[in-house]
Amino acid sequence: MTRAGDQEFLEFLIKALVDNPDAVKTDRKVDEMGVLLTLHVDPADMGKIIGRSGQTAKAIRSLLRVVGIKNNARVNLKIEEPEGGKGPRAARSDFDSVVGDLNL
């Protein structure tokens, strides 16, 4: 692969998974820690990239690690959350509000 082969591989892989391949964009930055690939996708396709419990994202990162090993580089993937994304869930500490949500 060429020097930016990791970026080309990522784009090819992601475009095959999503419904809106034209919205896929990647950025590549190299520093002393290795290569950082940043992925931007359509908000509707985020679920396909992340997968159930993050399994798809984990598999993509594993494949990029293999590509990096082949090129003697450490490759990391950052998936950019779209504007207005859900973000991490807030933890509930009030037991009564949780039980109230059950509608028992």
PDB file of N, CA and C in Angstrom:
ATOM      1  N   MET A   1       0.827  -1.183   0.000  1.00  0.00           N
ATOM      2  CA  MET A   1       0.000   0.000   0.000  1.00  0.00           C
ATOM      3  C   MET A   1       0.870   1.244   0.000  1.00  0.00           C
ATOM      4  N   THR A   2       0.303   2.311  -0.498  1.00  0.00           N
ATOM      5  CA  THR A   2       1.017   3.575  -0.495  1.00  0.00           C
ATOM      6  C   THR A   2       1.053   4.145   0.914  1.00  0.00           C
ATOM      7  N   ARG A   3       1.681   5.274   1.032  1.00  0.00           N
ATOM      8  CA  ARG A   3       1.821   5.887   2.348  1.00  0.00           C
ATOM      9  C   ARG A   3       0.463   6.199   2.977  1.00  0.00           C
ATOM     10  N   ALA A   4      -0.509   6.650   2.199  1.00  0.00           N
ATOM     11  CA  ALA A   4      -1.852   6.931   2.707  1.00  0.00           C
ATOM     12  C   ALA A   4      -2.789   5.765   2.410  1.00  0.00           C
ATOM     13  N   GLY A   5      -2.246   4.589   2.255  1.00  0.00           N
ATOM     14  CA  GLY A   5      -3.053   3.407   1.983  1.00  0.00           C
ATOM     15  C   GLY A   5      -4.009   3.082   3.099  1.00  0.00           C
ATOM     16  N   ASP A   6      -3.628   3.431   4.330  1.00  0.00           N
ATOM     17  CA  ASP A   6      -4.525   3.187   5.448  1.00  0.00           C
ATOM     18  C   ASP A   6      -5.793   4.028   5.328  1.00  0.00           C
ATOM     19  N   GLN A   7      -5.653   5.253   4.865  1.00  0.00           N
ATOM     20  CA  GLN A   7      -6.807   6.131   4.682  1.00  0.00           C
ATOM     21  C   GLN A   7      -7.688   5.626   3.537  1.00  0.00           C
ATOM     22  N   GLU A   8      -7.076   5.195   2.459  1.00  0.00           N
ATOM     23  CA  GLU A   8      -7.837   4.648   1.330  1.00  0.00           C
ATOM     24  C   GLU A   8      -8.586   3.390   1.745  1.00  0.00           C
ATOM     25  N   PHE A   9      -7.925   2.537   2.517  1.00  0.00           N
ATOM     26  CA  PHE A   9      -8.555   1.310   3.001  1.00  0.00           C
ATOM     27  C   PHE A   9      -9.762   1.632   3.875  1.00  0.00           C
ATOM     28  N   LEU A  10      -9.607   2.602   4.784  1.00  0.00           N
ATOM     29  CA  LEU A  10     -10.705   2.986   5.662  1.00  0.00           C
ATOM     30  C   LEU A  10     -11.888   3.507   4.860  1.00  0.00           C
ATOM     31  N   GLU A  11     -11.638   4.377   3.894  1.00  0.00           N
ATOM     32  CA  GLU A  11     -12.728   4.915   3.076  1.00  0.00           C
ATOM     33  C   GLU A  11     -13.440   3.813   2.303  1.00  0.00           C
ATOM     34  N   PHE A  12     -12.671   2.892   1.727  1.00  0.00           N
ATOM     35  CA  PHE A  12     -13.260   1.780   0.986  1.00  0.00           C
ATOM     36  C   PHE A  12     -14.156   0.936   1.897  1.00  0.00           C
ATOM     37  N   LEU A  13     -13.668   0.630   3.080  1.00  0.00           N
ATOM     38  CA  LEU A  13     -14.394  -0.200   4.035  1.00  0.00           C
ATOM     39  C   LEU A  13     -15.677   0.480   4.507  1.00  0.00           C
ATOM     40  N   ILE A  14     -15.585   1.743   4.873  1.00  0.00           N
ATOM     41  CA  ILE A  14     -16.741   2.456   5.406  1.00  0.00           C
ATOM     42  C   ILE A  14     -17.787   2.692   4.314  1.00  0.00           C
ATOM     43  N   LYS A  15     -17.352   3.044   3.116  1.00  0.00           N
ATOM     44  CA  LYS A  15     -18.302   3.283   2.028  1.00  0.00           C
ATOM     45  C   LYS A  15     -19.086   2.022   1.682  1.00  0.00           C
ATOM     46  N   ALA A  16     -18.502   0.853   1.922  1.00  0.00           N
ATOM     47  CA  ALA A  16     -19.205  -0.400   1.675  1.00  0.00           C
ATOM     48  C   ALA A  16     -20.258  -0.681   2.752  1.00  0.00           C
ATOM     49  N   LEU A  17     -20.119  -0.073   3.923  1.00  0.00           N
ATOM     50  CA  LEU A  17     -21.033  -0.329   5.034  1.00  0.00           C
ATOM     51  C   LEU A  17     -22.223   0.624   5.101  1.00  0.00           C
ATOM     52  N   VAL A  18     -22.052   1.849   4.653  1.00  0.00           N
ATOM     53  CA  VAL A  18     -23.061   2.888   4.894  1.00  0.00           C
ATOM     54  C   VAL A  18     -24.035   3.025   3.728  1.00  0.00           C
ATOM     55  N   ASP A  19     -25.162   3.718   4.013  1.00  0.00           N
ATOM     56  CA  ASP A  19     -26.165   3.993   2.978  1.00  0.00           C
ATOM     57  C   ASP A  19     -25.830   5.251   2.182  1.00  0.00           C
ATOM     58  N   ASN A  20     -25.053   6.164   2.785  1.00  0.00           N
ATOM     59  CA  ASN A  20     -24.698   7.427   2.135  1.00  0.00           C
ATOM     60  C   ASN A  20     -23.181   7.507   1.951  1.00  0.00           C
ATOM     61  N   PRO A  21     -22.630   6.792   0.977  1.00  0.00           N
ATOM     62  CA  PRO A  21     -21.172   6.786   0.824  1.00  0.00           C
ATOM     63  C   PRO A  21     -20.581   8.136   0.430  1.00  0.00           C
ATOM     64  N   ASP A  22     -21.393   9.016  -0.153  1.00  0.00           N
ATOM     65  CA  ASP A  22     -20.879  10.331  -0.541  1.00  0.00           C
ATOM     66  C   ASP A  22     -20.586  11.213   0.666  1.00  0.00           C
ATOM     67  N   ALA A  23     -21.189  10.897   1.811  1.00  0.00           N
ATOM     68  CA  ALA A  23     -21.002  11.700   3.018  1.00  0.00           C
ATOM     69  C   ALA A  23     -19.776  11.261   3.831  1.00  0.00           C
ATOM     70  N   VAL A  24     -19.094  10.205   3.408  1.00  0.00           N
ATOM     71  CA  VAL A  24     -17.935   9.698   4.150  1.00  0.00           C
ATOM     72  C   VAL A  24     -16.720  10.577   3.856  1.00  0.00           C
ATOM     73  N   LYS A  25     -16.107  11.062   4.935  1.00  0.00           N
ATOM     74  CA  LYS A  25     -14.892  11.868   4.810  1.00  0.00           C
ATOM     75  C   LYS A  25     -13.902  11.411   5.871  1.00  0.00           C
ATOM     76  N   THR A  26     -12.632  11.385   5.495  1.00  0.00           N
ATOM     77  CA  THR A  26     -11.592  11.001   6.445  1.00  0.00           C
ATOM     78  C   THR A  26     -10.484  12.048   6.433  1.00  0.00           C
ATOM     79  N   ASP A  27      -9.884  12.219   7.590  1.00  0.00           N
ATOM     80  CA  ASP A  27      -8.708  13.077   7.738  1.00  0.00           C
ATOM     81  C   ASP A  27      -7.580  12.221   8.275  1.00  0.00           C
ATOM     82  N   ARG A  28      -6.362  12.537   7.881  1.00  0.00           N
ATOM     83  CA  ARG A  28      -5.191  11.760   8.312  1.00  0.00           C
ATOM     84  C   ARG A  28      -4.149  12.704   8.878  1.00  0.00           C
ATOM     85  N   LYS A  29      -3.718  12.430  10.110  1.00  0.00           N
ATOM     86  CA  LYS A  29      -2.671  13.213  10.754  1.00  0.00           C
ATOM     87  C   LYS A  29      -1.602  12.267  11.275  1.00  0.00           C
ATOM     88  N   VAL A  30      -0.359  12.643  11.065  1.00  0.00           N
ATOM     89  CA  VAL A  30       0.771  11.838  11.521  1.00  0.00           C
ATOM     90  C   VAL A  30       1.540  12.645  12.554  1.00  0.00           C
ATOM     91  N   ASP A  31       1.835  12.016  13.689  1.00  0.00           N
ATOM     92  CA  ASP A  31       2.672  12.651  14.703  1.00  0.00           C
ATOM     93  C   ASP A  31       3.550  11.582  15.348  1.00  0.00           C
ATOM     94  N   GLU A  32       4.174  11.920  16.473  1.00  0.00           N
ATOM     95  CA  GLU A  32       5.093  10.976  17.106  1.00  0.00           C
ATOM     96  C   GLU A  32       4.383   9.754  17.684  1.00  0.00           C
ATOM     97  N   MET A  33       3.064   9.856  17.896  1.00  0.00           N
ATOM     98  CA  MET A  33       2.294   8.730  18.428  1.00  0.00           C
ATOM     99  C   MET A  33       1.852   7.762  17.325  1.00  0.00           C
ATOM    100  N   GLY A  34       1.940   8.168  16.074  1.00  0.00           N
ATOM    101  CA  GLY A  34       1.518   7.325  14.969  1.00  0.00           C
ATOM    102  C   GLY A  34       0.575   8.071  14.046  1.00  0.00           C
ATOM    103  N   VAL A  35      -0.320   7.333  13.422  1.00  0.00           N
ATOM    104  CA  VAL A  35      -1.267   7.891  12.461  1.00  0.00           C
ATOM    105  C   VAL A  35      -2.635   7.970  13.130  1.00  0.00           C
ATOM    106  N   LEU A  36      -3.283   9.121  13.011  1.00  0.00           N
ATOM    107  CA  LEU A  36      -4.638   9.288  13.518  1.00  0.00           C
ATOM    108  C   LEU A  36      -5.558   9.523  12.332  1.00  0.00           C
ATOM    109  N   LEU A  37      -6.496   8.603  12.136  1.00  0.00           N
ATOM    110  CA  LEU A  37      -7.508   8.739  11.095  1.00  0.00           C
ATOM    111  C   LEU A  37      -8.800   9.183  11.765  1.00  0.00           C
ATOM    112  N   THR A  38      -9.365  10.269  11.275  1.00  0.00           N
ATOM    113  CA  THR A  38     -10.625  10.784  11.801  1.00  0.00           C
ATOM    114  C   THR A  38     -11.701  10.534  10.765  1.00  0.00           C
ATOM    115  N   LEU A  39     -12.797   9.927  11.203  1.00  0.00           N
ATOM    116  CA  LEU A  39     -13.879   9.523  10.307  1.00  0.00           C
ATOM    117  C   LEU A  39     -15.113  10.388  10.545  1.00  0.00           C
ATOM    118  N   HIS A  40     -15.667  10.915   9.459  1.00  0.00           N
ATOM    119  CA  HIS A  40     -16.909  11.678   9.480  1.00  0.00           C
ATOM    120  C   HIS A  40     -17.900  10.959   8.582  1.00  0.00           C
ATOM    121  N   VAL A  41     -19.081  10.621   9.116  1.00  0.00           N
ATOM    122  CA  VAL A  41     -20.130   9.973   8.324  1.00  0.00           C
ATOM    123  C   VAL A  41     -21.446  10.701   8.543  1.00  0.00           C
ATOM    124  N   ASP A  42     -22.428  10.385   7.712  1.00  0.00           N
ATOM    125  CA  ASP A  42     -23.763  10.931   7.858  1.00  0.00           C
ATOM    126  C   ASP A  42     -24.339  10.473   9.208  1.00  0.00           C
ATOM    127  N   PRO A  43     -25.035  11.341   9.918  1.00  0.00           N
ATOM    128  CA  PRO A  43     -25.591  10.947  11.220  1.00  0.00           C
ATOM    129  C   PRO A  43     -26.487   9.710  11.156  1.00  0.00           C
ATOM    130  N   ALA A  44     -27.167   9.510  10.048  1.00  0.00           N
ATOM    131  CA  ALA A  44     -28.035   8.339   9.914  1.00  0.00           C
ATOM    132  C   ALA A  44     -27.242   7.040   9.830  1.00  0.00           C
ATOM    133  N   ASP A  45     -25.970   7.118   9.474  1.00  0.00           N
ATOM    134  CA  ASP A  45     -25.136   5.926   9.321  1.00  0.00           C
ATOM    135  C   ASP A  45     -24.289   5.606  10.550  1.00  0.00           C
ATOM    136  N   MET A  46     -24.379   6.418  11.597  1.00  0.00           N
ATOM    137  CA  MET A  46     -23.546   6.199  12.775  1.00  0.00           C
ATOM    138  C   MET A  46     -23.766   4.827  13.398  1.00  0.00           C
ATOM    139  N   GLY A  47     -25.009   4.382  13.441  1.00  0.00           N
ATOM    140  CA  GLY A  47     -25.308   3.077  14.022  1.00  0.00           C
ATOM    141  C   GLY A  47     -24.639   1.936  13.276  1.00  0.00           C
ATOM    142  N   LYS A  48     -24.531   2.064  11.962  1.00  0.00           N
ATOM    143  CA  LYS A  48     -23.886   1.017  11.169  1.00  0.00           C
ATOM    144  C   LYS A  48     -22.389   0.981  11.397  1.00  0.00           C
ATOM    145  N   ILE A  49     -21.799   2.141  11.667  1.00  0.00           N
ATOM    146  CA  ILE A  49     -20.359   2.209  11.904  1.00  0.00           C
ATOM    147  C   ILE A  49     -20.016   1.729  13.304  1.00  0.00           C
ATOM    148  N   ILE A  50     -20.817   2.111  14.286  1.00  0.00           N
ATOM    149  CA  ILE A  50     -20.556   1.718  15.666  1.00  0.00           C
ATOM    150  C   ILE A  50     -20.911   0.244  15.878  1.00  0.00           C
ATOM    151  N   GLY A  51     -22.078  -0.162  15.419  1.00  0.00           N
ATOM    152  CA  GLY A  51     -22.500  -1.546  15.580  1.00  0.00           C
ATOM    153  C   GLY A  51     -23.057  -1.801  16.967  1.00  0.00           C
ATOM    154  N   ARG A  52     -23.573  -2.993  17.167  1.00  0.00           N
ATOM    155  CA  ARG A  52     -24.142  -3.362  18.454  1.00  0.00           C
ATOM    156  C   ARG A  52     -23.025  -3.472  19.485  1.00  0.00           C
ATOM    157  N   SER A  53     -23.160  -2.719  20.547  1.00  0.00           N
ATOM    158  CA  SER A  53     -22.165  -2.665  21.634  1.00  0.00           C
ATOM    159  C   SER A  53     -20.778  -2.287  21.123  1.00  0.00           C
ATOM    160  N   GLY A  54     -20.701  -1.598  20.005  1.00  0.00           N
ATOM    161  CA  GLY A  54     -19.417  -1.139  19.487  1.00  0.00           C
ATOM    162  C   GLY A  54     -18.600  -2.203  18.781  1.00  0.00           C
ATOM    163  N   GLN A  55     -19.204  -3.307  18.449  1.00  0.00           N
ATOM    164  CA  GLN A  55     -18.461  -4.416  17.849  1.00  0.00           C
ATOM    165  C   GLN A  55     -17.947  -4.094  16.447  1.00  0.00           C
ATOM    166  N   THR A  56     -18.725  -3.372  15.647  1.00  0.00           N
ATOM    167  CA  THR A  56     -18.277  -3.025  14.297  1.00  0.00           C
ATOM    168  C   THR A  56     -17.097  -2.057  14.357  1.00  0.00           C
ATOM    169  N   ALA A  57     -17.191  -1.058  15.227  1.00  0.00           N
ATOM    170  CA  ALA A  57     -16.085  -0.104  15.384  1.00  0.00           C
ATOM    171  C   ALA A  57     -14.825  -0.819  15.868  1.00  0.00           C
ATOM    172  N   LYS A  58     -14.986  -1.764  16.762  1.00  0.00           N
ATOM    173  CA  LYS A  58     -13.839  -2.528  17.272  1.00  0.00           C
ATOM    174  C   LYS A  58     -13.197  -3.343  16.148  1.00  0.00           C
ATOM    175  N   ALA A  59     -14.018  -3.934  15.286  1.00  0.00           N
ATOM    176  CA  ALA A  59     -13.494  -4.716  14.170  1.00  0.00           C
ATOM    177  C   ALA A  59     -12.763  -3.825  13.167  1.00  0.00           C
ATOM    178  N   ILE A  60     -13.306  -2.631  12.907  1.00  0.00           N
ATOM    179  CA  ILE A  60     -12.650  -1.693  11.983  1.00  0.00           C
ATOM    180  C   ILE A  60     -11.292  -1.288  12.544  1.00  0.00           C
ATOM    181  N   ARG A  61     -11.238  -1.013  13.848  1.00  0.00           N
ATOM    182  CA  ARG A  61      -9.961  -0.638  14.482  1.00  0.00           C
ATOM    183  C   ARG A  61      -8.950  -1.787  14.413  1.00  0.00           C
ATOM    184  N   SER A  62      -9.433  -3.014  14.563  1.00  0.00           N
ATOM    185  CA  SER A  62      -8.534  -4.173  14.461  1.00  0.00           C
ATOM    186  C   SER A  62      -7.956  -4.298  13.059  1.00  0.00           C
ATOM    187  N   LEU A  63      -8.780  -4.099  12.051  1.00  0.00           N
ATOM    188  CA  LEU A  63      -8.294  -4.160  10.674  1.00  0.00           C
ATOM    189  C   LEU A  63      -7.281  -3.055  10.397  1.00  0.00           C
ATOM    190  N   LEU A  64      -7.545  -1.859  10.920  1.00  0.00           N
ATOM    191  CA  LEU A  64      -6.592  -0.757  10.738  1.00  0.00           C
ATOM    192  C   LEU A  64      -5.273  -1.038  11.459  1.00  0.00           C
ATOM    193  N   ARG A  65      -5.346  -1.714  12.577  1.00  0.00           N
ATOM    194  CA  ARG A  65      -4.120  -2.084  13.291  1.00  0.00           C
ATOM    195  C   ARG A  65      -3.270  -3.026  12.435  1.00  0.00           C
ATOM    196  N   VAL A  66      -3.926  -3.955  11.743  1.00  0.00           N
ATOM    197  CA  VAL A  66      -3.206  -4.881  10.861  1.00  0.00           C
ATOM    198  C   VAL A  66      -2.552  -4.122   9.708  1.00  0.00           C
ATOM    199  N   VAL A  67      -3.295  -3.171   9.123  1.00  0.00           N
ATOM    200  CA  VAL A  67      -2.732  -2.350   8.045  1.00  0.00           C
ATOM    201  C   VAL A  67      -1.531  -1.566   8.564  1.00  0.00           C
ATOM    202  N   GLY A  68      -1.642  -1.045   9.775  1.00  0.00           N
ATOM    203  CA  GLY A  68      -0.544  -0.296  10.365  1.00  0.00           C
ATOM    204  C   GLY A  68       0.683  -1.151  10.617  1.00  0.00           C
ATOM    205  N   ILE A  69       0.473  -2.360  11.096  1.00  0.00           N
ATOM    206  CA  ILE A  69       1.600  -3.273  11.334  1.00  0.00           C
ATOM    207  C   ILE A  69       2.321  -3.577  10.031  1.00  0.00           C
ATOM    208  N   LYS A  70       1.558  -3.744   8.975  1.00  0.00           N
ATOM    209  CA  LYS A  70       2.153  -4.021   7.668  1.00  0.00           C
ATOM    210  C   LYS A  70       3.039  -2.867   7.202  1.00  0.00           C
ATOM    211  N   ASN A  71       2.664  -1.632   7.596  1.00  0.00           N
ATOM    212  CA  ASN A  71       3.416  -0.450   7.185  1.00  0.00           C
ATOM    213  C   ASN A  71       4.307   0.105   8.293  1.00  0.00           C
ATOM    214  N   ASN A  72       4.537  -0.678   9.352  1.00  0.00           N
ATOM    215  CA  ASN A  72       5.363  -0.260  10.485  1.00  0.00           C
ATOM    216  C   ASN A  72       4.889   1.052  11.091  1.00  0.00           C
ATOM    217  N   ALA A  73       3.585   1.168  11.310  1.00  0.00           N
ATOM    218  CA  ALA A  73       3.011   2.379  11.897  1.00  0.00           C
ATOM    219  C   ALA A  73       1.879   1.992  12.840  1.00  0.00           C
ATOM    220  N   ARG A  74       1.639   2.845  13.793  1.00  0.00           N
ATOM    221  CA  ARG A  74       0.509   2.652  14.696  1.00  0.00           C
ATOM    222  C   ARG A  74      -0.642   3.492  14.165  1.00  0.00           C
ATOM    223  N   VAL A  75      -1.758   2.838  13.841  1.00  0.00           N
ATOM    224  CA  VAL A  75      -2.902   3.536  13.254  1.00  0.00           C
ATOM    225  C   VAL A  75      -4.049   3.540  14.263  1.00  0.00           C
ATOM    226  N   ASN A  76      -4.559   4.725  14.561  1.00  0.00           N
ATOM    227  CA  ASN A  76      -5.691   4.893  15.465  1.00  0.00           C
ATOM    228  C   ASN A  76      -6.856   5.500  14.707  1.00  0.00           C
ATOM    229  N   LEU A  77      -8.065   5.169  15.137  1.00  0.00           N
ATOM    230  CA  LEU A  77      -9.276   5.675  14.494  1.00  0.00           C
ATOM    231  C   LEU A  77     -10.090   6.476  15.490  1.00  0.00           C
ATOM    232  N   LYS A  78     -10.484   7.675  15.075  1.00  0.00           N
ATOM    233  CA  LYS A  78     -11.379   8.509  15.855  1.00  0.00           C
ATOM    234  C   LYS A  78     -12.643   8.705  15.035  1.00  0.00           C
ATOM    235  N   ILE A  79     -13.777   8.304  15.591  1.00  0.00           N
ATOM    236  CA  ILE A  79     -15.059   8.453  14.905  1.00  0.00           C
ATOM    237  C   ILE A  79     -15.704   9.723  15.448  1.00  0.00           C
ATOM    238  N   GLU A  80     -15.871  10.709  14.581  1.00  0.00           N
ATOM    239  CA  GLU A  80     -16.444  11.986  14.994  1.00  0.00           C
ATOM    240  C   GLU A  80     -17.951  11.844  15.175  1.00  0.00           C
ATOM    241  N   GLU A  81     -18.422  12.264  16.329  1.00  0.00           N
ATOM    242  CA  GLU A  81     -19.856  12.241  16.586  1.00  0.00           C
ATOM    243  C   GLU A  81     -20.500  13.411  15.862  1.00  0.00           C
ATOM    244  N   PRO A  82     -21.610  13.179  15.154  1.00  0.00           N
ATOM    245  CA  PRO A  82     -22.241  14.275  14.416  1.00  0.00           C
ATOM    246  C   PRO A  82     -22.817  15.325  15.354  1.00  0.00           C
ATOM    247  N   GLU A  83     -23.000  16.510  14.826  1.00  0.00           N
ATOM    248  CA  GLU A  83     -23.571  17.624  15.586  1.00  0.00           C
ATOM    249  C   GLU A  83     -24.946  17.216  16.104  1.00  0.00           C
ATOM    250  N   GLY A  84     -25.190  17.429  17.400  1.00  0.00           N
ATOM    251  CA  GLY A  84     -26.480  17.080  17.994  1.00  0.00           C
ATOM    252  C   GLY A  84     -26.620  15.613  18.300  1.00  0.00           C
ATOM    253  N   GLY A  85     -25.508  14.887  18.378  1.00  0.00           N
ATOM    254  CA  GLY A  85     -25.558  13.463  18.701  1.00  0.00           C
ATOM    255  C   GLY A  85     -26.004  13.239  20.131  1.00  0.00           C
ATOM    256  N   LYS A  86     -26.317  12.011  20.448  1.00  0.00           N
ATOM    257  CA  LYS A  86     -26.813  11.688  21.775  1.00  0.00           C
ATOM    258  C   LYS A  86     -25.742  11.823  22.843  1.00  0.00           C
ATOM    259  N   GLY A  87     -24.537  11.416  22.538  1.00  0.00           N
ATOM    260  CA  GLY A  87     -23.477  11.487  23.537  1.00  0.00           C
ATOM    261  C   GLY A  87     -23.670  10.424  24.604  1.00  0.00           C
ATOM    262  N   PRO A  88     -22.846  10.453  25.640  1.00  0.00           N
ATOM    263  CA  PRO A  88     -22.981   9.447  26.694  1.00  0.00           C
ATOM    264  C   PRO A  88     -24.261   9.656  27.486  1.00  0.00           C
ATOM    265  N   ARG A  89     -24.812   8.556  27.970  1.00  0.00           N
ATOM    266  CA  ARG A  89     -26.036   8.626  28.758  1.00  0.00           C
ATOM    267  C   ARG A  89     -25.729   9.153  30.154  1.00  0.00           C
ATOM    268  N   ALA A  90     -26.662   9.932  30.671  1.00  0.00           N
ATOM    269  CA  ALA A  90     -26.520  10.425  32.040  1.00  0.00           C
ATOM    270  C   ALA A  90     -26.966   9.329  33.001  1.00  0.00           C
ATOM    271  N   ALA A  91     -26.192   9.126  34.039  1.00  0.00           N
ATOM    272  CA  ALA A  91     -26.516   8.096  35.024  1.00  0.00           C
ATOM    273  C   ALA A  91     -27.635   8.585  35.928  1.00  0.00           C
ATOM    274  N   ARG A  92     -28.561   7.692  36.239  1.00  0.00           N
ATOM    275  CA  ARG A  92     -29.651   8.029  37.154  1.00  0.00           C
ATOM    276  C   ARG A  92     -29.299   7.507  38.534  1.00  0.00           C
ATOM    277  N   SER A  93     -29.489   8.356  39.501  1.00  0.00           N
ATOM    278  CA  SER A  93     -29.193   7.928  40.862  1.00  0.00           C
ATOM    279  C   SER A  93     -30.451   7.783  41.694  1.00  0.00           C
ATOM    280  N   ASP A  94     -31.586   8.302  41.211  1.00  0.00           N
ATOM    281  CA  ASP A  94     -32.821   8.264  41.973  1.00  0.00           C
ATOM    282  C   ASP A  94     -33.576   6.979  41.663  1.00  0.00           C
ATOM    283  N   PHE A  95     -33.660   6.094  42.649  1.00  0.00           N
ATOM    284  CA  PHE A  95     -34.308   4.803  42.478  1.00  0.00           C
ATOM    285  C   PHE A  95     -35.784   4.963  42.128  1.00  0.00           C
ATOM    286  N   ASP A  96     -36.467   5.920  42.751  1.00  0.00           N
ATOM    287  CA  ASP A  96     -37.901   6.113  42.505  1.00  0.00           C
ATOM    288  C   ASP A  96     -38.177   6.521  41.063  1.00  0.00           C
ATOM    289  N   SER A  97     -37.316   7.325  40.466  1.00  0.00           N
ATOM    290  CA  SER A  97     -37.543   7.730  39.079  1.00  0.00           C
ATOM    291  C   SER A  97     -37.359   6.553  38.124  1.00  0.00           C
ATOM    292  N   VAL A  98     -36.466   5.639  38.456  1.00  0.00           N
ATOM    293  CA  VAL A  98     -36.267   4.449  37.620  1.00  0.00           C
ATOM    294  C   VAL A  98     -37.476   3.535  37.727  1.00  0.00           C
ATOM    295  N   VAL A  99     -37.960   3.318  38.939  1.00  0.00           N
ATOM    296  CA  VAL A  99     -39.132   2.476  39.140  1.00  0.00           C
ATOM    297  C   VAL A  99     -40.356   3.130  38.498  1.00  0.00           C
ATOM    298  N   GLY A 100     -40.453   4.448  38.561  1.00  0.00           N
ATOM    299  CA  GLY A 100     -41.568   5.157  37.942  1.00  0.00           C
ATOM    300  C   GLY A 100     -41.592   4.981  36.434  1.00  0.00           C
ATOM    301  N   ASP A 101     -40.432   4.843  35.822  1.00  0.00           N
ATOM    302  CA  ASP A 101     -40.345   4.637  34.377  1.00  0.00           C
ATOM    303  C   ASP A 101     -40.857   3.260  33.961  1.00  0.00           C
ATOM    304  N   LEU A 102     -40.912   2.324  34.887  1.00  0.00           N
ATOM    305  CA  LEU A 102     -41.355   0.970  34.568  1.00  0.00           C
ATOM    306  C   LEU A 102     -42.859   0.877  34.374  1.00  0.00           C
ATOM    307  N   ASN A 103     -43.610   1.867  34.862  1.00  0.00           N
ATOM    308  CA  ASN A 103     -45.068   1.896  34.750  1.00  0.00           C
ATOM    309  C   ASN A 103     -45.719   0.636  35.327  1.00  0.00           C
ATOM    310  N   LEU A 104     -45.321   0.277  36.517  1.00  0.00           N
ATOM    311  CA  LEU A 104     -45.898  -0.903  37.165  1.00  0.00           C
ATOM    312  C   LEU A 104     -47.190  -0.582  37.865  1.00  0.00           C
TER     313      LEU A 104
END
